[in-house]
Amino acid sequence: MRPEETLDIKLAFAGWFTGKPAAELAEMEAEAYAKQGFSNSPQDELDSLRIAQNYWVAPDMVRIVEAAQETLPDEDVLLEEPPSSHGFLVLAEPFTIRCADPECVDDHPFSGLRWRPVHRVLPANKWAEEQHDDGILIQWIGPVVGEEERQFFGSPVAPVGNGMFMPAGRPLQMAQSVEIGALRPESAVLCRYARTMWTLMQQPLVAVGELEADRPQRRRLQRAGRIPAAPVAVVTLRRKTATGGNEAQEVEWSHRWVVRGHWRRQWHPRLQAHRPVWISEHVKGPDDKPLLVREKVITWRR
């Protein structure tokens, strides 16, 4: 997907939440959200979309997230962790995760993410007393499957499953806990992807530009009266600029690669806490070649 499609996708979502199908689906999902201790009505979704910051993540950044999420340290979740309190994010290319259902052998694609802050109240049960939590509700979106689903959602993407609540002040390893409201293991994986993306988006290896809505988009948004024509933050991988040194031998590389990617704990002034920082020395290779992300490259020399 291209950066300029972000606002059109967001507008399609907003239109869907005002229609009858969204109301019917919300009624079906109301009990599931009630068990999580909060509501997630179409109006809640629409109110969040109106004020959400827009993001488009370039293909290189998607690949970095895929590589980095596996080793992300499991720090306590902070409400300030996302780059904005409400967000609507579209990936240039989807990533895939193997379904957790043992009877399903499919790889499910994910092409975007929405989030907003939520407060939940969980009633007491035999394992715990009544809980009150502030946290972040995330909802992944994926490509629609077939024309029928496209007509139902009116968009090239659709929500994937229910939204997931990440309680602030707790690590994602709580997914294995019997505590009420604990995440399922597969949900924890998707939350880790989200946290990795948020973390990387706010670090020096990332360049963030802005793309303004064009005139036709502004007119569509104005007619809809629901979504402002806010700019889209375009998140790309920053390339390190070479400074001096001896003249290098010219090599015909077939790809680009990230050198020495790893996590390090570092003090984060905005969050007032030690948080993981992804350390990537630089990206090597020609600009017009695909990015190849590997954990390690071993070279045998004679």
Foldseek 3Di string as FASTA:
>chain_A
DDLLCQLVQLLLQLVLLVDDLQQVVQVVCQVVVVLLFDHDHSVNVLVLSQPAAAAEEEPVLLVVLVVALVAFDFDFDDCVLFPDQWHKYFYPAWDWDADPPPVGGDTFTWTIKTKHKDWGWHPDDPVGHIDIFIWMKMWTKGAADDPVRCVNSVHRIDTDDGIATRGGPDTLVQLPPPPRSRNPPVVSSVVSSVSSSRQAQPDPQKDWDWDFHDPVSCVVCVVSVRHHRDIYIYIYGDFDDDDDDDDDDDDQDQAKEWPDWDWDWDQDVVRRDTGIHIDTPGIDDDPPHYYDYDPDDDDDDD
